[in-house]
Amino acid sequence: MIVKYLEILKSLNLRMGLSQSLSTSIAETVAALSVVIVSIIIYFIIKFIIKKTVYRIIQLSTNKYDDLLIKNKVIGRICLLIPALITGALVDNALPHFPETAAFLMKLVNIFEIVICTMIISAFVTTGEDLYNTREMSKTKPLTGMVQVTKIVLYVLTGLVIIAFVLGTKISNILLSLGTMSAVILLIFQDVIKGFVGGLQLSINDMLRLGDWIVMGPADGNVIEINLTTVKVQNWDNTITTIPTYNLVSNPFTNWRGMSESGGRRIARTINIDVNTIRYCTPEMIEKYKRYSLIKDYLIQKEEDIIEYNKANNIDTNEILNGRQQTNLGVFRAYIKAYINNNPKLNHNLTMMVRQMQPTEFGVPLQIYTFSSDKRWVNYEEIQSDIFDHIIAAAPMFDLKIYQKH
């Protein structure tokens, strides 16, 4: 067909009074251009047919996995091979009198085919990653870094193949030449190498997962992406912080995953009691405190224990320092313990205690240590605030004052 087409073009040129050589040159140039144009037209026709048939079938399918072929343009990239194959098959016939030009065009076609094949493999790799990400395992063992390394290696090999093809030499010779430039290559790809090693350590040691809440420098939020060289964190104010992957291995960071996977979120906050308001309880004070239902039984039992102890040891209770006595701070601690024990929003299977800390110039720190059953940040803060609102307001009921610097 190409031969007949060339003969028709040559005869038309000769009829126009052109010389034999010029007629041949024009005819073969037009033929070569026609081959390229026809191959491109065929490509668009086939792509249109595929969109109307194959794409439609995939979109109507209940299986969502085949949708990834469209998303990652696998079929579209395979179609790109059509014009290359057509042009490669006909270019020699279109330029019989210009073998050097035909060879040059054939090289371009071959390079185009290599690039398209690389793009197809890359699309399949991406599709494989997307399939993996549909599994639960992907949350703990993301493959983004490995996929990016695979693509980089693929692109580098493609570049080497193209260079070797253009120069007409073996890839081994190209690699040997690159070996002498290893120091430069390491310098250029140092971030990639560090990121790859860091990503492996993060994955193998399960240090980081997608969705983890981490704190590192300005980063304070959820991990939304882990790739070869960087980790992206969406902060609590919806800003995005990017951290080099190897920084997460070489520098300390806080991961709140342990808290989120546990039965509660820890509350460990102190209030400072004014030391000038701490005193032994008088009988009148004890009677007043008995009106508070949460510690009524505690006070009755405590009084019986103290009386029994003092009698058993023949202690003269006329002096307040003799024997055992209750203090308003001790009663207040017992009240707070009873209050958190009766709080339904706290996890009672985890540690719950109220303890005194080392006294300071700001008074006696009283720490409430417990865990909220709701780990969501906003709800956690509400629970914590409600507890301390109550404690601060209750302190004067026990003849105590919260320290406040004047």
Protein backbone atom coordinates (compact mmCIF):
# COMPACT_ATOMS: atom_id res chain seq x y z
CA MET A 1 0.00 0.00 0.00
CA ILE A 2 2.80 2.41 0.88
CA VAL A 3 4.62 1.53 -2.37
CA LYS A 4 1.54 2.29 -4.50
CA TYR A 5 0.99 5.50 -2.52
CA LEU A 6 4.60 6.57 -3.25
CA GLU A 7 4.22 5.82 -6.96
CA ILE A 8 1.08 7.96 -7.14
CA LEU A 9 2.82 10.86 -5.36
CA LYS A 10 5.88 10.60 -7.65
CA SER A 11 3.78 10.55 -10.81
CA LEU A 12 1.86 13.62 -9.65
CA ASN A 13 5.13 15.46 -8.96
CA LEU A 14 6.56 14.47 -12.36
CA ARG A 15 3.42 15.73 -14.11
CA MET A 16 3.97 19.04 -12.36
CA GLY A 17 7.34 19.26 -14.12
CA LEU A 18 9.55 18.44 -11.12
CA SER A 19 12.79 16.51 -11.53
CA GLN A 20 13.05 12.79 -10.69
CA SER A 21 15.14 13.34 -7.52
CA LEU A 22 12.96 16.19 -6.24
CA SER A 23 9.79 14.22 -6.99
CA THR A 24 11.19 11.27 -5.00
CA SER A 25 12.18 13.47 -2.04
CA ILE A 26 8.80 15.21 -1.84
CA ALA A 27 6.86 11.96 -2.30
CA GLU A 28 8.73 10.10 0.46
CA THR A 29 8.53 13.09 2.86
CA VAL A 30 4.77 13.29 2.33
CA ALA A 31 4.50 9.52 2.75
CA ALA A 32 6.43 9.60 6.03
CA LEU A 33 4.27 12.44 7.35
CA SER A 34 1.17 10.59 6.23
CA VAL A 35 2.26 7.49 8.16
CA VAL A 36 2.68 9.57 11.34
CA ILE A 37 -0.64 11.39 10.88
CA VAL A 38 -2.57 8.20 10.07
CA SER A 39 -1.07 6.40 13.10
CA ILE A 40 -2.10 9.29 15.36
CA ILE A 41 -5.63 9.29 13.89
CA ILE A 42 -5.89 5.51 14.43
CA TYR A 43 -4.74 6.03 18.03
CA PHE A 44 -7.52 8.53 18.74
CA ILE A 45 -10.12 6.31 17.05
CA ILE A 46 -9.10 3.27 19.11
CA LYS A 47 -8.97 5.35 22.30
CA PHE A 48 -12.48 6.68 21.58
CA ILE A 49 -13.79 3.14 21.04
CA ILE A 50 -12.14 1.93 24.26
CA LYS A 51 -13.63 4.83 26.25
CA LYS A 52 -17.09 4.02 24.93
CA THR A 53 -16.81 0.27 25.55
CA VAL A 54 -14.10 -0.90 27.98
CA TYR A 55 -14.23 2.21 30.21
CA ARG A 56 -18.01 2.01 30.32
CA ILE A 57 -17.95 -1.66 31.30
CA ILE A 58 -15.41 -0.95 34.07
CA GLN A 59 -17.45 1.98 35.44
CA LEU A 60 -20.63 -0.11 35.53
CA SER A 61 -18.85 -3.02 37.20
CA THR A 62 -19.49 -3.56 40.92
CA ASN A 63 -15.82 -4.48 41.34
CA LYS A 64 -14.02 -1.29 42.36
CA TYR A 65 -10.54 -2.69 41.79
CA ASP A 66 -10.75 -2.40 38.01
CA ASP A 67 -11.53 1.32 38.42
CA LEU A 68 -7.89 1.72 39.39
CA LEU A 69 -6.90 0.90 35.80
CA ILE A 70 -8.76 4.02 34.68
CA LYS A 71 -7.56 6.14 37.59
CA ASN A 72 -3.90 5.33 36.93
CA LYS A 73 -4.29 5.59 33.11
CA VAL A 74 -3.03 2.04 32.48
CA ILE A 75 -5.22 1.44 29.43
CA GLY A 76 -4.59 4.94 28.03
CA ARG A 77 -0.83 4.46 28.22
CA ILE A 78 -1.02 1.06 26.52
CA CYS A 79 -2.92 2.76 23.68
CA LEU A 80 0.04 5.10 23.18
CA LEU A 81 2.00 2.16 21.80
CA ILE A 82 -0.36 1.99 18.79
CA PRO A 83 1.04 4.97 16.80
CA ALA A 84 4.60 3.90 17.67
CA LEU A 85 4.05 0.36 16.39
CA ILE A 86 2.34 1.56 13.19
CA THR A 87 5.03 4.15 12.48
CA GLY A 88 7.82 1.67 13.22
CA ALA A 89 6.31 -0.90 10.87
CA LEU A 90 5.85 1.50 7.90
CA VAL A 91 8.62 4.09 8.17
CA ASP A 92 11.17 1.99 6.19
CA ASN A 93 8.70 1.52 3.35
CA ALA A 94 7.86 5.22 3.35
CA LEU A 95 11.54 6.27 2.93
CA PRO A 96 13.19 3.65 0.71
CA HIS A 97 15.67 6.15 -0.80
CA PHE A 98 16.58 7.76 2.53
CA PRO A 99 17.76 4.88 4.78
CA GLU A 100 19.65 7.20 7.16
CA THR A 101 16.55 9.33 7.76
CA ALA A 102 14.46 6.17 8.19
CA ALA A 103 16.99 4.82 10.72
CA PHE A 104 16.93 8.11 12.64
CA LEU A 105 13.11 8.11 12.76
CA MET A 106 13.16 4.45 13.82
CA LYS A 107 15.45 5.36 16.71
CA LEU A 108 13.03 8.07 17.81
CA VAL A 109 10.17 5.57 17.60
CA ASN A 110 12.13 3.03 19.67
CA ILE A 111 12.94 5.65 22.30
CA PHE A 112 9.27 6.61 22.40
CA GLU A 113 8.34 2.92 22.88
CA ILE A 114 10.84 2.56 25.75
CA VAL A 115 9.43 5.65 27.48
CA ILE A 116 5.82 4.45 27.03
CA CYS A 117 6.69 0.96 28.35
CA THR A 118 8.25 2.62 31.41
CA MET A 119 5.09 4.68 31.91
CA ILE A 120 2.95 1.53 31.67
CA ILE A 121 5.07 -0.33 34.24
CA SER A 122 4.93 2.74 36.52
CA ALA A 123 1.13 2.81 36.19
CA PHE A 124 0.93 -0.89 37.11
CA VAL A 125 3.16 -0.27 40.16
CA THR A 126 0.89 2.59 41.25
CA THR A 127 -2.16 0.37 40.74
CA GLY A 128 -0.54 -2.31 42.89
CA GLU A 129 0.08 0.26 45.63
CA ASP A 130 -3.55 1.42 45.46
CA LEU A 131 -4.72 -2.19 45.77
CA TYR A 132 -2.46 -2.67 48.79
CA ASN A 133 -3.79 0.53 50.36
CA THR A 134 -7.30 -0.97 50.39
CA ARG A 135 -6.09 -3.51 52.95
CA GLU A 136 -5.93 -2.87 56.68
CA MET A 137 -2.21 -3.75 56.73
CA SER A 138 -1.41 -0.62 54.70
CA LYS A 139 -2.19 1.57 57.74
CA THR A 140 0.64 0.00 59.72
CA LYS A 141 3.01 -0.86 56.85
CA PRO A 142 2.71 1.84 54.15
CA LEU A 143 4.52 1.08 50.88
CA THR A 144 4.73 4.63 49.53
CA GLY A 145 8.48 4.90 50.13
CA MET A 146 9.20 1.51 48.54
CA VAL A 147 7.02 2.35 45.54
CA GLN A 148 8.82 5.66 45.05
CA VAL A 149 12.22 3.91 45.20
CA THR A 150 11.00 1.35 42.67
CA LYS A 151 9.90 4.13 40.32
CA ILE A 152 13.18 6.00 40.71
CA VAL A 153 15.14 2.83 39.89
CA LEU A 154 12.82 2.22 36.93
CA TYR A 155 13.32 5.75 35.58
CA VAL A 156 17.09 5.59 36.07
CA LEU A 157 17.29 2.25 34.22
CA THR A 158 15.13 3.68 31.44
CA GLY A 159 17.46 6.63 31.10
CA LEU A 160 20.47 4.30 30.95
CA VAL A 161 18.80 2.12 28.31
CA ILE A 162 18.02 5.19 26.18
CA ILE A 163 21.56 6.56 26.51
CA ALA A 164 23.06 3.17 25.62
CA PHE A 165 20.67 2.86 22.66
CA VAL A 166 21.53 6.32 21.30
CA LEU A 167 25.28 5.83 21.75
CA GLY A 168 25.15 2.28 20.42
CA THR A 169 26.95 0.83 23.42
CA LYS A 170 26.23 -1.62 26.25
CA ILE A 171 24.55 -0.62 29.50
CA SER A 172 27.48 -2.16 31.39
CA ASN A 173 29.79 0.44 29.84
CA ILE A 174 27.44 3.22 30.96
CA LEU A 175 27.34 1.78 34.48
CA LEU A 176 31.14 1.55 34.53
CA SER A 177 31.34 5.23 33.63
CA LEU A 178 28.84 6.09 36.34
CA GLY A 179 30.92 4.14 38.86
CA THR A 180 33.68 6.72 38.56
CA MET A 181 31.11 9.38 39.41
CA SER A 182 29.74 7.55 42.47
CA ALA A 183 30.67 10.38 44.85
CA VAL A 184 28.74 12.89 42.76
CA ILE A 185 25.78 10.49 42.46
CA LEU A 186 25.72 9.95 46.23
CA LEU A 187 25.78 13.72 46.76
CA ILE A 188 22.89 14.24 44.34
CA PHE A 189 20.78 11.42 45.77
CA GLN A 190 21.73 11.77 49.44
CA ASP A 191 18.23 12.89 50.50
CA VAL A 192 16.69 9.99 48.60
CA ILE A 193 19.09 7.49 50.20
CA LYS A 194 18.57 8.92 53.69
CA GLY A 195 14.81 8.99 53.17
CA PHE A 196 14.77 5.39 51.97
CA VAL A 197 16.80 4.16 54.95
CA GLY A 198 14.70 6.27 57.34
CA GLY A 199 11.47 4.98 55.80
CA LEU A 200 12.64 1.38 56.22
CA GLN A 201 13.45 1.96 59.89
CA LEU A 202 10.11 3.66 60.52
CA SER A 203 8.28 0.76 58.87
CA ILE A 204 10.29 -2.13 60.33
CA ASN A 205 10.21 -0.73 63.87
CA ASP A 206 6.55 0.36 63.52
CA MET A 207 7.49 3.85 64.67
CA LEU A 208 4.98 5.68 62.50
CA ARG A 209 1.70 4.94 60.74
CA LEU A 210 -0.74 6.91 58.66
CA GLY A 211 -3.23 8.60 60.97
CA ASP A 212 -0.86 8.75 63.97
CA TRP A 213 -0.92 11.97 65.96
CA ILE A 214 2.67 13.12 66.43
CA VAL A 215 4.40 16.12 67.95
CA MET A 216 7.78 17.22 66.62
CA GLY A 217 8.83 20.86 66.58
CA PRO A 218 6.13 22.86 64.78
CA ALA A 219 4.37 19.64 63.72
CA ASP A 220 1.44 18.77 65.98
CA GLY A 221 -1.23 16.71 64.26
CA ASN A 222 -2.13 13.66 62.17
CA VAL A 223 0.24 11.98 59.72
CA ILE A 224 -1.48 12.16 56.31
CA GLU A 225 1.34 11.01 54.04
CA ILE A 226 4.56 9.01 54.36
CA ASN A 227 6.68 9.04 51.23
CA LEU A 228 10.31 8.50 50.29
CA THR A 229 11.83 11.76 51.52
CA THR A 230 9.14 13.48 53.60
CA VAL A 231 6.33 12.91 56.07
CA LYS A 232 3.36 15.28 55.88
CA VAL A 233 1.53 16.20 59.09
CA GLN A 234 -1.82 18.00 59.16
CA ASN A 235 -1.67 20.09 62.31
CA TRP A 236 -4.57 20.75 64.68
CA ASP A 237 -5.19 24.11 62.93
CA ASN A 238 -5.28 22.35 59.50
CA THR A 239 -1.88 23.71 58.43
CA ILE A 240 0.53 21.22 56.85
CA THR A 241 4.04 20.60 58.19
CA THR A 242 6.54 18.62 56.12
CA ILE A 243 9.26 16.72 57.97
CA PRO A 244 12.24 14.96 56.29
CA THR A 245 11.79 11.21 56.83
CA TYR A 246 15.28 10.70 58.23
CA ASN A 247 14.64 13.41 60.88
CA LEU A 248 12.04 11.14 62.47
CA VAL A 249 14.72 8.49 62.94
CA SER A 250 17.57 10.73 64.07
CA ASN A 251 15.54 13.06 66.33
CA PRO A 252 12.98 12.39 69.10
CA PHE A 253 9.27 12.89 68.47
CA THR A 254 6.09 12.12 70.40
CA ASN A 255 3.60 9.62 68.96
CA TRP A 256 0.17 9.61 70.63
CA ARG A 257 -0.79 6.24 69.15
CA GLY A 258 -0.24 4.46 72.46
CA MET A 259 -2.76 6.75 74.09
CA SER A 260 -5.32 6.34 71.32
CA GLU A 261 -5.02 2.55 71.45
CA SER A 262 -5.25 2.44 75.23
CA GLY A 263 -8.44 2.51 77.30
CA GLY A 264 -8.24 6.22 78.08
CA ARG A 265 -6.46 9.52 77.78
CA ARG A 266 -4.42 10.55 80.77
CA ILE A 267 -5.33 13.47 83.02
CA ALA A 268 -2.41 14.52 85.21
CA ARG A 269 -2.87 18.07 86.45
CA THR A 270 -2.16 19.76 89.77
CA ILE A 271 -3.70 22.50 91.84
CA ASN A 272 -1.67 24.37 94.48
CA ILE A 273 -3.14 24.56 97.99
CA ASP A 274 -2.25 27.60 100.13
CA VAL A 275 -0.24 26.17 103.07
CA ASN A 276 -1.70 28.83 105.40
CA THR A 277 -5.14 27.22 105.11
CA ILE A 278 -4.09 23.65 105.99
CA ARG A 279 -5.06 22.68 109.55
CA TYR A 280 -6.25 19.89 111.83
CA CYS A 281 -9.98 19.29 111.74
CA THR A 282 -12.06 20.33 114.73
CA PRO A 283 -15.19 18.37 115.70
CA GLU A 284 -17.25 21.17 114.18
CA MET A 285 -15.38 20.89 110.91
CA ILE A 286 -15.86 17.11 110.84
CA GLU A 287 -19.59 17.49 111.41
CA LYS A 288 -19.79 20.02 108.57
CA TYR A 289 -17.90 17.74 106.22
CA LYS A 290 -20.22 14.84 107.04
CA ARG A 291 -22.96 16.70 105.22
CA TYR A 292 -21.13 16.01 101.95
CA SER A 293 -22.58 12.68 100.83
CA LEU A 294 -19.52 11.50 98.91
CA ILE A 295 -17.34 11.33 102.05
CA LYS A 296 -19.88 10.85 104.83
CA ASP A 297 -19.19 7.11 105.16
CA TYR A 298 -15.46 7.71 104.81
CA LEU A 299 -15.45 10.22 107.71
CA ILE A 300 -17.48 7.97 109.99
CA GLN A 301 -15.20 5.02 109.35
CA LYS A 302 -12.09 7.20 109.70
CA GLU A 303 -13.29 8.61 113.03
CA GLU A 304 -13.90 5.11 114.41
CA ASP A 305 -10.43 4.00 113.31
CA ILE A 306 -8.78 7.04 114.94
CA ILE A 307 -10.67 6.65 118.22
CA GLU A 308 -9.86 2.95 118.37
CA TYR A 309 -6.20 3.61 117.64
CA ASN A 310 -5.88 6.35 120.25
CA LYS A 311 -7.61 4.24 122.89
CA ALA A 312 -5.50 1.19 122.12
CA ASN A 313 -2.35 3.26 122.57
CA ASN A 314 -3.56 5.25 125.62
CA ILE A 315 -3.02 8.54 123.83
CA ASP A 316 -4.01 11.77 125.56
CA THR A 317 -6.17 13.47 122.95
CA ASN A 318 -6.39 16.73 124.90
CA GLU A 319 -3.28 17.74 123.00
CA ILE A 320 -4.06 17.86 119.30
CA LEU A 321 -0.56 16.77 118.28
CA ASN A 322 -0.89 13.53 120.22
CA GLY A 323 -2.11 10.49 118.30
CA ARG A 324 -3.81 10.49 114.95
CA GLN A 325 -5.88 13.43 113.69
CA GLN A 326 -7.55 14.35 110.44
CA THR A 327 -6.61 17.43 108.42
CA ASN A 328 -8.83 19.39 106.09
CA LEU A 329 -6.37 18.69 103.27
CA GLY A 330 -6.57 14.94 103.93
CA VAL A 331 -10.37 15.09 103.93
CA PHE A 332 -10.27 17.13 100.72
CA ARG A 333 -8.05 14.50 99.08
CA ALA A 334 -10.52 11.81 100.12
CA TYR A 335 -13.36 13.89 98.66
CA ILE A 336 -11.58 14.33 95.31
CA LYS A 337 -10.83 10.58 95.18
CA ALA A 338 -14.48 9.80 95.82
CA TYR A 339 -15.53 12.39 93.24
CA ILE A 340 -13.41 10.92 90.42
CA ASN A 341 -14.39 7.37 91.43
CA ASN A 342 -18.02 8.37 90.85
CA ASN A 343 -17.36 10.16 87.56
CA PRO A 344 -18.85 8.02 84.73
CA LYS A 345 -16.69 9.74 82.10
CA LEU A 346 -13.47 8.32 83.52
CA ASN A 347 -11.99 4.87 82.91
CA HIS A 348 -12.10 3.10 86.26
CA ASN A 349 -10.00 0.17 85.03
CA LEU A 350 -6.91 2.37 84.81
CA THR A 351 -4.92 4.13 87.53
CA MET A 352 -6.89 6.67 89.57
CA MET A 353 -5.28 8.56 92.43
CA VAL A 354 -4.97 11.92 94.17
CA ARG A 355 -1.52 12.62 95.56
CA GLN A 356 0.54 15.34 97.16
CA MET A 357 3.62 16.54 95.32
CA GLN A 358 6.74 18.21 96.72
CA PRO A 359 5.71 21.54 98.37
CA THR A 360 7.01 24.63 96.62
CA GLU A 361 6.94 28.38 97.08
CA PHE A 362 3.53 28.25 95.42
CA GLY A 363 1.98 25.97 98.04
CA VAL A 364 1.28 22.26 98.23
CA PRO A 365 0.64 20.75 94.78
CA LEU A 366 -2.24 18.29 94.74
CA GLN A 367 -2.19 16.12 91.62
CA ILE A 368 -5.22 14.40 90.15
CA TYR A 369 -4.06 11.41 88.10
CA THR A 370 -6.71 9.54 86.14
CA PHE A 371 -7.83 8.68 82.58
CA SER A 372 -10.81 9.92 80.61
CA SER A 373 -12.68 7.17 78.78
CA ASP A 374 -13.27 9.52 75.82
CA LYS A 375 -9.98 10.11 74.00
CA ARG A 376 -11.23 12.67 71.48
CA TRP A 377 -9.42 15.93 72.10
CA VAL A 378 -12.39 18.28 72.48
CA ASN A 379 -14.33 15.86 74.69
CA TYR A 380 -11.21 15.11 76.73
CA GLU A 381 -10.67 18.80 77.44
CA GLU A 382 -14.32 19.18 78.45
CA ILE A 383 -14.07 16.29 80.92
CA GLN A 384 -10.82 17.60 82.37
CA SER A 385 -12.16 21.15 82.71
CA ASP A 386 -15.36 19.96 84.42
CA ILE A 387 -13.33 18.04 86.99
CA PHE A 388 -11.11 20.97 87.87
CA ASP A 389 -13.98 23.48 87.81
CA HIS A 390 -15.58 21.39 90.52
CA ILE A 391 -12.40 20.84 92.53
CA ILE A 392 -11.44 24.52 92.55
CA ALA A 393 -14.98 25.52 93.57
CA ALA A 394 -15.09 22.80 96.27
CA ALA A 395 -11.82 23.74 97.98
CA PRO A 396 -13.34 26.58 100.12
CA MET A 397 -15.96 24.10 101.39
CA PHE A 398 -13.07 22.36 103.16
CA ASP A 399 -11.69 25.62 104.52
CA LEU A 400 -8.88 25.59 101.95
CA LYS A 401 -7.70 28.15 99.46
CA ILE A 402 -6.14 27.64 96.07
CA TYR A 403 -2.82 29.47 95.93
CA GLN A 404 -2.89 32.54 93.77
CA LYS A 405 0.07 34.85 93.47
CA HIS A 406 -0.77 38.47 94.30
